[in-house]
Amino acid sequence: PNRIRAKAMAVCMAVHWVINFFVGLLFLRLLEQLGPLILYTIFGSFCFLAVIYVKRNVMETKGKTLQEIEMALLPQQ
């Protein structure tokens, strides 16, 4: 909903930056310990799981207004 949009975006961006920090902090250490093949296989696996999750659980919003999206996400009574 529009009334919580700014707060939700702030939380999403905060999580994004925290995760980005840890990736930057740990990437070289993991690359040295695991090797590039294993590390990129793990990364690719997470990406593949993310694609499956999005395909199954996230609705298409192209061409819809924010109000139409909000109505589609509200529980039906």
Protein backbone atom coordinates (compact mmCIF):
# COMPACT_ATOMS: atom_id res chain seq x y z
CA PRO A 1 0.00 0.00 0.00
CA ASN A 2 1.05 3.59 -0.63
CA ARG A 3 0.92 4.44 3.08
CA ILE A 4 3.82 2.11 3.91
CA ARG A 5 5.72 2.30 0.62
CA ALA A 6 8.49 4.63 1.82
CA LYS A 7 9.13 2.59 4.98
CA ALA A 8 9.14 -0.68 3.05
CA MET A 9 11.61 0.73 0.52
CA ALA A 10 13.86 1.94 3.35
CA VAL A 11 13.88 -1.52 4.93
CA CYS A 12 14.56 -3.19 1.58
CA MET A 13 17.46 -0.87 0.81
CA ALA A 14 18.93 -1.33 4.30
CA VAL A 15 18.85 -5.12 3.91
CA HIS A 16 20.36 -4.80 0.43
CA TRP A 17 23.29 -2.73 1.71
CA VAL A 18 23.93 -5.03 4.68
CA ILE A 19 24.00 -8.11 2.45
CA ASN A 20 26.18 -6.26 -0.08
CA PHE A 21 28.62 -5.39 2.74
CA PHE A 22 28.95 -9.03 3.79
CA VAL A 23 29.40 -10.24 0.21
CA GLY A 24 32.20 -7.71 -0.27
CA LEU A 25 33.74 -8.64 3.06
CA LEU A 26 33.68 -12.42 2.58
CA PHE A 27 34.01 -12.95 -1.18
CA LEU A 28 37.81 -13.06 -1.48
CA ARG A 29 38.19 -15.23 1.62
CA LEU A 30 35.62 -17.72 0.30
CA LEU A 31 37.21 -17.66 -3.15
CA GLU A 32 40.57 -18.63 -1.63
CA GLN A 33 39.09 -21.34 0.61
CA LEU A 34 36.54 -22.91 -1.75
CA GLY A 35 37.91 -22.12 -5.18
CA PRO A 36 36.09 -20.40 -8.02
CA LEU A 37 34.18 -23.46 -9.28
CA ILE A 38 32.49 -24.24 -5.96
CA LEU A 39 31.88 -20.59 -5.06
CA TYR A 40 30.27 -19.74 -8.40
CA THR A 41 28.25 -22.96 -8.31
CA ILE A 42 26.85 -21.91 -4.93
CA PHE A 43 26.12 -18.43 -6.28
CA GLY A 44 24.46 -19.83 -9.40
CA SER A 45 22.36 -22.21 -7.31
CA PHE A 46 21.04 -19.35 -5.19
CA CYS A 47 20.25 -17.39 -8.35
CA PHE A 48 18.39 -20.38 -9.81
CA LEU A 49 16.38 -20.81 -6.59
CA ALA A 50 15.54 -17.10 -6.67
CA VAL A 51 14.25 -17.39 -10.23
CA ILE A 52 12.04 -20.34 -9.28
CA TYR A 53 10.69 -18.47 -6.24
CA VAL A 54 9.90 -15.34 -8.27
CA LYS A 55 8.21 -17.31 -11.06
CA ARG A 56 5.97 -19.10 -8.55
CA ASN A 57 5.22 -16.38 -6.00
CA VAL A 58 5.56 -12.90 -7.50
CA MET A 59 2.71 -11.56 -9.60
CA GLU A 60 3.23 -9.58 -12.81
CA THR A 61 2.78 -5.84 -12.27
CA LYS A 62 3.64 -4.51 -15.73
CA GLY A 63 1.07 -1.96 -16.89
CA LYS A 64 -0.79 -1.88 -13.56
CA THR A 65 -1.23 1.13 -11.32
CA LEU A 66 -0.22 1.04 -7.66
CA GLN A 67 -3.88 0.99 -6.68
CA GLU A 68 -4.57 -2.05 -8.92
CA ILE A 69 -1.61 -3.89 -7.41
CA GLU A 70 -2.77 -3.05 -3.89
CA MET A 71 -6.27 -4.36 -4.64
CA ALA A 72 -4.82 -7.60 -6.09
CA LEU A 73 -2.70 -8.18 -2.98
CA LEU A 74 -5.43 -7.49 -0.43
CA PRO A 75 -7.07 -10.60 1.04
CA GLN A 76 -10.45 -11.26 -0.56
CA GLN A 77 -13.40 -11.01 1.84
